[in-house]
Amino acid sequence: MLKAGGLLLHVEQPQYGPAMHGVDLKQAMEEAGFPIDQHFVTGVRAVPDKSLFPASSDGEEEDYGRAAIWNAYGAWKPQVASAAKEEVSA
């Protein structure tokens, strides 16, 4: 349950397989009732300790742990219209 005006936030760890790559999270959030104009998607690049995780030998940007990008998806649940609030409280 998420109250009206609440924030849905989903943070995905870096994916190293097809699991989440096959899911359209924007579509899933819209189908769950979160209007598309209330969605956001962003990425956060991990800053690894190079002494523990040396650079990828083949120069890849995302190399499964060394320079992983965490993805955040979210949306705000619509506010309840004031008329609807009055009906509920009456």
PDB file of N, CA and C in Angstrom:
ATOM      1  N   MET A   1       0.843  -1.171   0.000  1.00  0.00           N
ATOM      2  CA  MET A   1       0.000   0.000   0.000  1.00  0.00           C
ATOM      3  C   MET A   1       0.891   1.238   0.000  1.00  0.00           C
ATOM      4  N   LEU A   2       0.519   2.184  -0.818  1.00  0.00           N
ATOM      5  CA  LEU A   2       1.241   3.440  -0.907  1.00  0.00           C
ATOM      6  C   LEU A   2       0.211   4.551  -0.884  1.00  0.00           C
ATOM      7  N   LYS A   3       0.360   5.472   0.055  1.00  0.00           N
ATOM      8  CA  LYS A   3      -0.630   6.538   0.169  1.00  0.00           C
ATOM      9  C   LYS A   3      -0.540   7.467  -1.031  1.00  0.00           C
ATOM     10  N   ALA A   4      -1.628   8.195  -1.286  1.00  0.00           N
ATOM     11  CA  ALA A   4      -1.668   9.164  -2.374  1.00  0.00           C
ATOM     12  C   ALA A   4      -0.536  10.163  -2.192  1.00  0.00           C
ATOM     13  N   GLY A   5       0.173  10.451  -3.266  1.00  0.00           N
ATOM     14  CA  GLY A   5       1.306  11.364  -3.201  1.00  0.00           C
ATOM     15  C   GLY A   5       2.598  10.691  -2.777  1.00  0.00           C
ATOM     16  N   GLY A   6       2.534   9.396  -2.438  1.00  0.00           N
ATOM     17  CA  GLY A   6       3.719   8.662  -1.999  1.00  0.00           C
ATOM     18  C   GLY A   6       4.683   8.382  -3.143  1.00  0.00           C
ATOM     19  N   LEU A   7       5.895   8.030  -2.805  1.00  0.00           N
ATOM     20  CA  LEU A   7       6.950   7.778  -3.781  1.00  0.00           C
ATOM     21  C   LEU A   7       7.290   6.293  -3.837  1.00  0.00           C
ATOM     22  N   LEU A   8       7.242   5.728  -5.037  1.00  0.00           N
ATOM     23  CA  LEU A   8       7.711   4.374  -5.299  1.00  0.00           C
ATOM     24  C   LEU A   8       9.155   4.506  -5.754  1.00  0.00           C
ATOM     25  N   LEU A   9      10.078   3.809  -5.111  1.00  0.00           N
ATOM     26  CA  LEU A   9      11.481   3.864  -5.494  1.00  0.00           C
ATOM     27  C   LEU A   9      12.016   2.444  -5.564  1.00  0.00           C
ATOM     28  N   HIS A  10      12.581   2.115  -6.705  1.00  0.00           N
ATOM     29  CA  HIS A  10      13.122   0.780  -6.929  1.00  0.00           C
ATOM     30  C   HIS A  10      14.562   0.940  -7.388  1.00  0.00           C
ATOM     31  N   VAL A  11      15.503   0.396  -6.632  1.00  0.00           N
ATOM     32  CA  VAL A  11      16.915   0.490  -6.993  1.00  0.00           C
ATOM     33  C   VAL A  11      17.385  -0.908  -7.364  1.00  0.00           C
ATOM     34  N   GLU A  12      17.945  -1.019  -8.557  1.00  0.00           N
ATOM     35  CA  GLU A  12      18.414  -2.292  -9.088  1.00  0.00           C
ATOM     36  C   GLU A  12      19.923  -2.365  -9.014  1.00  0.00           C
ATOM     37  N   GLN A  13      20.413  -3.434  -8.439  1.00  0.00           N
ATOM     38  CA  GLN A  13      21.847  -3.642  -8.489  1.00  0.00           C
ATOM     39  C   GLN A  13      22.224  -3.978  -9.925  1.00  0.00           C
ATOM     40  N   PRO A  14      23.475  -3.806 -10.273  1.00  0.00           N
ATOM     41  CA  PRO A  14      23.898  -4.084 -11.651  1.00  0.00           C
ATOM     42  C   PRO A  14      23.497  -5.498 -12.065  1.00  0.00           C
ATOM     43  N   GLN A  15      22.970  -5.604 -13.256  1.00  0.00           N
ATOM     44  CA  GLN A  15      22.506  -6.898 -13.767  1.00  0.00           C
ATOM     45  C   GLN A  15      23.573  -7.535 -14.638  1.00  0.00           C
ATOM     46  N   TYR A  16      23.855  -8.781 -14.364  1.00  0.00           N
ATOM     47  CA  TYR A  16      24.861  -9.493 -15.135  1.00  0.00           C
ATOM     48  C   TYR A  16      24.245 -10.632 -15.928  1.00  0.00           C
ATOM     49  N   GLY A  17      22.959 -10.566 -16.087  1.00  0.00           N
ATOM     50  CA  GLY A  17      22.230 -11.562 -16.851  1.00  0.00           C
ATOM     51  C   GLY A  17      20.979 -10.936 -17.410  1.00  0.00           C
ATOM     52  N   PRO A  18      20.153 -11.689 -18.105  1.00  0.00           N
ATOM     53  CA  PRO A  18      18.979 -11.131 -18.771  1.00  0.00           C
ATOM     54  C   PRO A  18      17.772 -10.868 -17.857  1.00  0.00           C
ATOM     55  N   ALA A  19      17.859 -11.136 -16.561  1.00  0.00           N
ATOM     56  CA  ALA A  19      16.681 -11.073 -15.666  1.00  0.00           C
ATOM     57  C   ALA A  19      15.874  -9.795 -15.806  1.00  0.00           C
ATOM     58  N   MET A  20      16.436  -8.642 -15.446  1.00  0.00           N
ATOM     59  CA  MET A  20      15.684  -7.396 -15.503  1.00  0.00           C
ATOM     60  C   MET A  20      15.751  -6.728 -16.870  1.00  0.00           C
ATOM     61  N   HIS A  21      16.664  -7.149 -17.725  1.00  0.00           N
ATOM     62  CA  HIS A  21      16.766  -6.524 -19.041  1.00  0.00           C
ATOM     63  C   HIS A  21      15.527  -6.789 -19.878  1.00  0.00           C
ATOM     64  N   GLY A  22      14.791  -7.835 -19.579  1.00  0.00           N
ATOM     65  CA  GLY A  22      13.584  -8.172 -20.330  1.00  0.00           C
ATOM     66  C   GLY A  22      12.328  -7.531 -19.781  1.00  0.00           C
ATOM     67  N   VAL A  23      12.427  -6.748 -18.711  1.00  0.00           N
ATOM     68  CA  VAL A  23      11.264  -6.119 -18.090  1.00  0.00           C
ATOM     69  C   VAL A  23      11.276  -4.627 -18.396  1.00  0.00           C
ATOM     70  N   ASP A  24      10.163  -4.118 -18.923  1.00  0.00           N
ATOM     71  CA  ASP A  24      10.021  -2.686 -19.166  1.00  0.00           C
ATOM     72  C   ASP A  24       9.413  -2.082 -17.901  1.00  0.00           C
ATOM     73  N   LEU A  25      10.269  -1.561 -17.005  1.00  0.00           N
ATOM     74  CA  LEU A  25       9.787  -1.067 -15.721  1.00  0.00           C
ATOM     75  C   LEU A  25       8.873   0.140 -15.870  1.00  0.00           C
ATOM     76  N   LYS A  26       9.092   0.981 -16.883  1.00  0.00           N
ATOM     77  CA  LYS A  26       8.184   2.116 -17.113  1.00  0.00           C
ATOM     78  C   LYS A  26       6.780   1.600 -17.427  1.00  0.00           C
ATOM     79  N   GLN A  27       6.701   0.600 -18.280  1.00  0.00           N
ATOM     80  CA  GLN A  27       5.404   0.022 -18.638  1.00  0.00           C
ATOM     81  C   GLN A  27       4.761  -0.641 -17.424  1.00  0.00           C
ATOM     82  N   ALA A  28       5.543  -1.374 -16.643  1.00  0.00           N
ATOM     83  CA  ALA A  28       5.013  -2.040 -15.456  1.00  0.00           C
ATOM     84  C   ALA A  28       4.469  -1.027 -14.450  1.00  0.00           C
ATOM     85  N   MET A  29       5.198   0.100 -14.251  1.00  0.00           N
ATOM     86  CA  MET A  29       4.723   1.125 -13.314  1.00  0.00           C
ATOM     87  C   MET A  29       3.450   1.792 -13.839  1.00  0.00           C
ATOM     88  N   GLU A  30       3.396   2.032 -15.161  1.00  0.00           N
ATOM     89  CA  GLU A  30       2.198   2.644 -15.739  1.00  0.00           C
ATOM     90  C   GLU A  30       0.993   1.712 -15.597  1.00  0.00           C
ATOM     91  N   GLU A  31       1.187   0.428 -15.851  1.00  0.00           N
ATOM     92  CA  GLU A  31       0.111  -0.554 -15.706  1.00  0.00           C
ATOM     93  C   GLU A  31      -0.357  -0.671 -14.253  1.00  0.00           C
ATOM     94  N   ALA A  32       0.533  -0.355 -13.301  1.00  0.00           N
ATOM     95  CA  ALA A  32       0.192  -0.412 -11.876  1.00  0.00           C
ATOM     96  C   ALA A  32      -0.486   0.881 -11.400  1.00  0.00           C
ATOM     97  N   GLY A  33      -0.683   1.850 -12.330  1.00  0.00           N
ATOM     98  CA  GLY A  33      -1.413   3.060 -11.971  1.00  0.00           C
ATOM     99  C   GLY A  33      -0.567   4.296 -11.725  1.00  0.00           C
ATOM    100  N   PHE A  34       0.723   4.222 -12.037  1.00  0.00           N
ATOM    101  CA  PHE A  34       1.593   5.386 -11.873  1.00  0.00           C
ATOM    102  C   PHE A  34       1.686   6.104 -13.216  1.00  0.00           C
ATOM    103  N   PRO A  35       1.137   7.319 -13.327  1.00  0.00           N
ATOM    104  CA  PRO A  35       1.134   8.035 -14.611  1.00  0.00           C
ATOM    105  C   PRO A  35       2.555   8.244 -15.137  1.00  0.00           C
ATOM    106  N   ILE A  36       2.714   8.071 -16.441  1.00  0.00           N
ATOM    107  CA  ILE A  36       4.034   8.153 -17.068  1.00  0.00           C
ATOM    108  C   ILE A  36       4.710   9.499 -16.817  1.00  0.00           C
ATOM    109  N   ASP A  37       3.935  10.569 -16.673  1.00  0.00           N
ATOM    110  CA  ASP A  37       4.547  11.883 -16.445  1.00  0.00           C
ATOM    111  C   ASP A  37       5.056  12.043 -15.016  1.00  0.00           C
ATOM    112  N   GLN A  38       4.835  11.041 -14.166  1.00  0.00           N
ATOM    113  CA  GLN A  38       5.336  11.061 -12.791  1.00  0.00           C
ATOM    114  C   GLN A  38       6.521  10.122 -12.584  1.00  0.00           C
ATOM    115  N   HIS A  39       7.000   9.483 -13.666  1.00  0.00           N
ATOM    116  CA  HIS A  39       8.111   8.530 -13.586  1.00  0.00           C
ATOM    117  C   HIS A  39       9.459   9.240 -13.629  1.00  0.00           C
ATOM    118  N   PHE A  40      10.472   8.575 -13.070  1.00  0.00           N
ATOM    119  CA  PHE A  40      11.854   9.004 -13.276  1.00  0.00           C
ATOM    120  C   PHE A  40      12.746   7.770 -13.331  1.00  0.00           C
ATOM    121  N   VAL A  41      13.839   7.899 -14.047  1.00  0.00           N
ATOM    122  CA  VAL A  41      14.840   6.844 -14.165  1.00  0.00           C
ATOM    123  C   VAL A  41      16.194   7.526 -14.085  1.00  0.00           C
ATOM    124  N   THR A  42      17.096   6.978 -13.298  1.00  0.00           N
ATOM    125  CA  THR A  42      18.437   7.539 -13.208  1.00  0.00           C
ATOM    126  C   THR A  42      19.430   6.416 -12.929  1.00  0.00           C
ATOM    127  N   GLY A  43      20.681   6.684 -13.153  1.00  0.00           N
ATOM    128  CA  GLY A  43      21.730   5.710 -12.878  1.00  0.00           C
ATOM    129  C   GLY A  43      22.788   6.317 -11.980  1.00  0.00           C
ATOM    130  N   VAL A  44      23.404   5.489 -11.182  1.00  0.00           N
ATOM    131  CA  VAL A  44      24.469   5.931 -10.291  1.00  0.00           C
ATOM    132  C   VAL A  44      25.659   5.009 -10.519  1.00  0.00           C
ATOM    133  N   ARG A  45      26.772   5.589 -10.925  1.00  0.00           N
ATOM    134  CA  ARG A  45      27.969   4.775 -11.175  1.00  0.00           C
ATOM    135  C   ARG A  45      28.706   4.520  -9.864  1.00  0.00           C
ATOM    136  N   ALA A  46      29.035   3.273  -9.630  1.00  0.00           N
ATOM    137  CA  ALA A  46      29.810   2.903  -8.447  1.00  0.00           C
ATOM    138  C   ALA A  46      31.242   3.422  -8.583  1.00  0.00           C
ATOM    139  N   VAL A  47      31.850   3.790  -7.473  1.00  0.00           N
ATOM    140  CA  VAL A  47      33.249   4.217  -7.459  1.00  0.00           C
ATOM    141  C   VAL A  47      34.019   3.124  -6.710  1.00  0.00           C
ATOM    142  N   PRO A  48      34.622   2.203  -7.468  1.00  0.00           N
ATOM    143  CA  PRO A  48      35.282   1.067  -6.821  1.00  0.00           C
ATOM    144  C   PRO A  48      36.642   1.426  -6.244  1.00  0.00           C
ATOM    145  N   ASP A  49      37.050   0.664  -5.274  1.00  0.00           N
ATOM    146  CA  ASP A  49      38.399   0.762  -4.714  1.00  0.00           C
ATOM    147  C   ASP A  49      39.319   0.014  -5.676  1.00  0.00           C
ATOM    148  N   LYS A  50      40.137   0.754  -6.412  1.00  0.00           N
ATOM    149  CA  LYS A  50      41.002   0.160  -7.450  1.00  0.00           C
ATOM    150  C   LYS A  50      42.007  -0.841  -6.882  1.00  0.00           C
ATOM    151  N   SER A  51      42.311  -0.737  -5.569  1.00  0.00           N
ATOM    152  CA  SER A  51      43.239  -1.715  -4.995  1.00  0.00           C
ATOM    153  C   SER A  51      42.570  -3.081  -4.835  1.00  0.00           C
ATOM    154  N   LEU A  52      41.245  -3.081  -4.721  1.00  0.00           N
ATOM    155  CA  LEU A  52      40.515  -4.341  -4.614  1.00  0.00           C
ATOM    156  C   LEU A  52      39.971  -4.805  -5.961  1.00  0.00           C
ATOM    157  N   PHE A  53      39.580  -3.837  -6.811  1.00  0.00           N
ATOM    158  CA  PHE A  53      38.972  -4.135  -8.103  1.00  0.00           C
ATOM    159  C   PHE A  53      39.726  -3.392  -9.202  1.00  0.00           C
ATOM    160  N   PRO A  54      40.817  -3.959  -9.701  1.00  0.00           N
ATOM    161  CA  PRO A  54      41.576  -3.275 -10.753  1.00  0.00           C
ATOM    162  C   PRO A  54      40.723  -3.096 -12.013  1.00  0.00           C
ATOM    163  N   ALA A  55      41.139  -2.162 -12.871  1.00  0.00           N
ATOM    164  CA  ALA A  55      40.410  -1.876 -14.101  1.00  0.00           C
ATOM    165  C   ALA A  55      40.286  -3.128 -14.968  1.00  0.00           C
ATOM    166  N   SER A  56      39.221  -3.164 -15.746  1.00  0.00           N
ATOM    167  CA  SER A  56      38.996  -4.271 -16.667  1.00  0.00           C
ATOM    168  C   SER A  56      40.125  -4.344 -17.685  1.00  0.00           C
ATOM    169  N   SER A  57      40.586  -5.532 -17.945  1.00  0.00           N
ATOM    170  CA  SER A  57      41.695  -5.703 -18.886  1.00  0.00           C
ATOM    171  C   SER A  57      41.297  -5.377 -20.321  1.00  0.00           C
ATOM    172  N   ASP A  58      39.996  -5.464 -20.637  1.00  0.00           N
ATOM    173  CA  ASP A  58      39.573  -5.182 -22.014  1.00  0.00           C
ATOM    174  C   ASP A  58      38.983  -3.778 -22.179  1.00  0.00           C
ATOM    175  N   GLY A  59      39.023  -2.940 -21.119  1.00  0.00           N
ATOM    176  CA  GLY A  59      38.593  -1.554 -21.230  1.00  0.00           C
ATOM    177  C   GLY A  59      37.098  -1.322 -21.249  1.00  0.00           C
ATOM    178  N   GLU A  60      36.315  -2.318 -20.915  1.00  0.00           N
ATOM    179  CA  GLU A  60      34.854  -2.158 -20.905  1.00  0.00           C
ATOM    180  C   GLU A  60      34.426  -1.136 -19.860  1.00  0.00           C
ATOM    181  N   GLU A  61      33.372  -0.344 -20.179  1.00  0.00           N
ATOM    182  CA  GLU A  61      32.867   0.637 -19.216  1.00  0.00           C
ATOM    183  C   GLU A  61      32.189  -0.039 -18.034  1.00  0.00           C
ATOM    184  N   GLU A  62      31.256  -0.946 -18.304  1.00  0.00           N
ATOM    185  CA  GLU A  62      30.579  -1.690 -17.242  1.00  0.00           C
ATOM    186  C   GLU A  62      31.177  -3.077 -17.266  1.00  0.00           C
ATOM    187  N   ASP A  63      31.926  -3.416 -16.242  1.00  0.00           N
ATOM    188  CA  ASP A  63      32.631  -4.686 -16.270  1.00  0.00           C
ATOM    189  C   ASP A  63      32.292  -5.568 -15.075  1.00  0.00           C
ATOM    190  N   TYR A  64      31.022  -5.622 -14.755  1.00  0.00           N
ATOM    191  CA  TYR A  64      30.524  -6.574 -13.779  1.00  0.00           C
ATOM    192  C   TYR A  64      31.152  -6.442 -12.405  1.00  0.00           C
ATOM    193  N   GLY A  65      31.080  -5.240 -11.851  1.00  0.00           N
ATOM    194  CA  GLY A  65      31.538  -5.037 -10.494  1.00  0.00           C
ATOM    195  C   GLY A  65      32.582  -3.953 -10.349  1.00  0.00           C
ATOM    196  N   ARG A  66      33.410  -3.752 -11.350  1.00  0.00           N
ATOM    197  CA  ARG A  66      34.461  -2.743 -11.241  1.00  0.00           C
ATOM    198  C   ARG A  66      33.904  -1.340 -11.471  1.00  0.00           C
ATOM    199  N   ALA A  67      33.010  -1.181 -12.429  1.00  0.00           N
ATOM    200  CA  ALA A  67      32.440   0.137 -12.739  1.00  0.00           C
ATOM    201  C   ALA A  67      30.933   0.001 -12.914  1.00  0.00           C
ATOM    202  N   ALA A  68      30.330  -0.705 -12.008  1.00  0.00           N
ATOM    203  CA  ALA A  68      28.901  -1.008 -12.123  1.00  0.00           C
ATOM    204  C   ALA A  68      28.039   0.246 -12.040  1.00  0.00           C
ATOM    205  N   ILE A  69      26.925   0.232 -12.765  1.00  0.00           N
ATOM    206  CA  ILE A  69      25.960   1.325 -12.717  1.00  0.00           C
ATOM    207  C   ILE A  69      24.693   0.798 -12.063  1.00  0.00           C
ATOM    208  N   TRP A  70      24.310   1.405 -10.942  1.00  0.00           N
ATOM    209  CA  TRP A  70      23.082   1.050 -10.251  1.00  0.00           C
ATOM    210  C   TRP A  70      21.961   1.882 -10.860  1.00  0.00           C
ATOM    211  N   ASN A  71      20.821   1.283 -11.117  1.00  0.00           N
ATOM    212  CA  ASN A  71      19.702   1.971 -11.744  1.00  0.00           C
ATOM    213  C   ASN A  71      18.585   2.191 -10.739  1.00  0.00           C
ATOM    214  N   ALA A  72      18.043   3.405 -10.728  1.00  0.00           N
ATOM    215  CA  ALA A  72      16.918   3.738  -9.855  1.00  0.00           C
ATOM    216  C   ALA A  72      15.730   4.107 -10.724  1.00  0.00           C
ATOM    217  N   TYR A  73      14.588   3.519 -10.420  1.00  0.00           N
ATOM    218  CA  TYR A  73      13.341   3.776 -11.127  1.00  0.00           C
ATOM    219  C   TYR A  73      12.324   4.197 -10.081  1.00  0.00           C
ATOM    220  N   GLY A  74      11.467   5.106 -10.438  1.00  0.00           N
ATOM    221  CA  GLY A  74      10.461   5.497  -9.468  1.00  0.00           C
ATOM    222  C   GLY A  74       9.336   6.296 -10.082  1.00  0.00           C
ATOM    223  N   ALA A  75       8.335   6.572  -9.256  1.00  0.00           N
ATOM    224  CA  ALA A  75       7.181   7.370  -9.669  1.00  0.00           C
ATOM    225  C   ALA A  75       6.441   7.821  -8.429  1.00  0.00           C
ATOM    226  N   TRP A  76       5.718   8.911  -8.562  1.00  0.00           N
ATOM    227  CA  TRP A  76       4.882   9.389  -7.479  1.00  0.00           C
ATOM    228  C   TRP A  76       3.461   8.938  -7.729  1.00  0.00           C
ATOM    229  N   LYS A  77       2.811   8.431  -6.683  1.00  0.00           N
ATOM    230  CA  LYS A  77       1.412   8.019  -6.784  1.00  0.00           C
ATOM    231  C   LYS A  77       0.553   9.276  -6.860  1.00  0.00           C
ATOM    232  N   PRO A  78      -0.428   9.279  -7.751  1.00  0.00           N
ATOM    233  CA  PRO A  78      -1.270  10.472  -7.888  1.00  0.00           C
ATOM    234  C   PRO A  78      -1.946  10.852  -6.578  1.00  0.00           C
ATOM    235  N   GLN A  79      -2.134  12.158  -6.397  1.00  0.00           N
ATOM    236  CA  GLN A  79      -2.892  12.672  -5.255  1.00  0.00           C
ATOM    237  C   GLN A  79      -4.365  12.352  -5.482  1.00  0.00           C
ATOM    238  N   VAL A  80      -5.113  12.152  -4.422  1.00  0.00           N
ATOM    239  CA  VAL A  80      -6.545  11.935  -4.529  1.00  0.00           C
ATOM    240  C   VAL A  80      -7.205  13.279  -4.771  1.00  0.00           C
ATOM    241  N   ALA A  81      -8.131  13.341  -5.720  1.00  0.00           N
ATOM    242  CA  ALA A  81      -8.840  14.601  -5.990  1.00  0.00           C
ATOM    243  C   ALA A  81      -9.589  15.049  -4.746  1.00  0.00           C
ATOM    244  N   SER A  82      -9.664  16.359  -4.525  1.00  0.00           N
ATOM    245  CA  SER A  82     -10.290  16.876  -3.304  1.00  0.00           C
ATOM    246  C   SER A  82     -11.758  16.471  -3.195  1.00  0.00           C
ATOM    247  N   ALA A  83     -12.484  16.387  -4.319  1.00  0.00           N
ATOM    248  CA  ALA A  83     -13.888  15.980  -4.276  1.00  0.00           C
ATOM    249  C   ALA A  83     -13.995  14.543  -3.782  1.00  0.00           C
ATOM    250  N   ALA A  84     -13.086  13.692  -4.241  1.00  0.00           N
ATOM    251  CA  ALA A  84     -13.094  12.298  -3.808  1.00  0.00           C
ATOM    252  C   ALA A  84     -12.784  12.215  -2.321  1.00  0.00           C
ATOM    253  N   LYS A  85     -11.886  13.055  -1.823  1.00  0.00           N
ATOM    254  CA  LYS A  85     -11.560  13.069  -0.397  1.00  0.00           C
ATOM    255  C   LYS A  85     -12.790  13.421   0.427  1.00  0.00           C
ATOM    256  N   GLU A  86     -13.562  14.407  -0.039  1.00  0.00           N
ATOM    257  CA  GLU A  86     -14.753  14.836   0.682  1.00  0.00           C
ATOM    258  C   GLU A  86     -15.780  13.721   0.742  1.00  0.00           C
ATOM    259  N   GLU A  87     -15.948  12.959  -0.364  1.00  0.00           N
ATOM    260  CA  GLU A  87     -16.899  11.853  -0.376  1.00  0.00           C
ATOM    261  C   GLU A  87     -16.494  10.777   0.616  1.00  0.00           C
ATOM    262  N   VAL A  88     -15.187  10.488   0.668  1.00  0.00           N
ATOM    263  CA  VAL A  88     -14.687   9.444   1.570  1.00  0.00           C
ATOM    264  C   VAL A  88     -14.882   9.853   3.024  1.00  0.00           C
ATOM    265  N   SER A  89     -14.665  11.140   3.337  1.00  0.00           N
ATOM    266  CA  SER A  89     -14.760  11.567   4.721  1.00  0.00           C
ATOM    267  C   SER A  89     -16.188  11.820   5.163  1.00  0.00           C
ATOM    268  N   ALA A  90     -17.131  11.908   4.228  1.00  0.00           N
ATOM    269  CA  ALA A  90     -18.537  12.194   4.593  1.00  0.00           C
ATOM    270  C   ALA A  90     -19.225  10.994   5.187  1.00  0.00           C
TER     271      ALA A  90
END
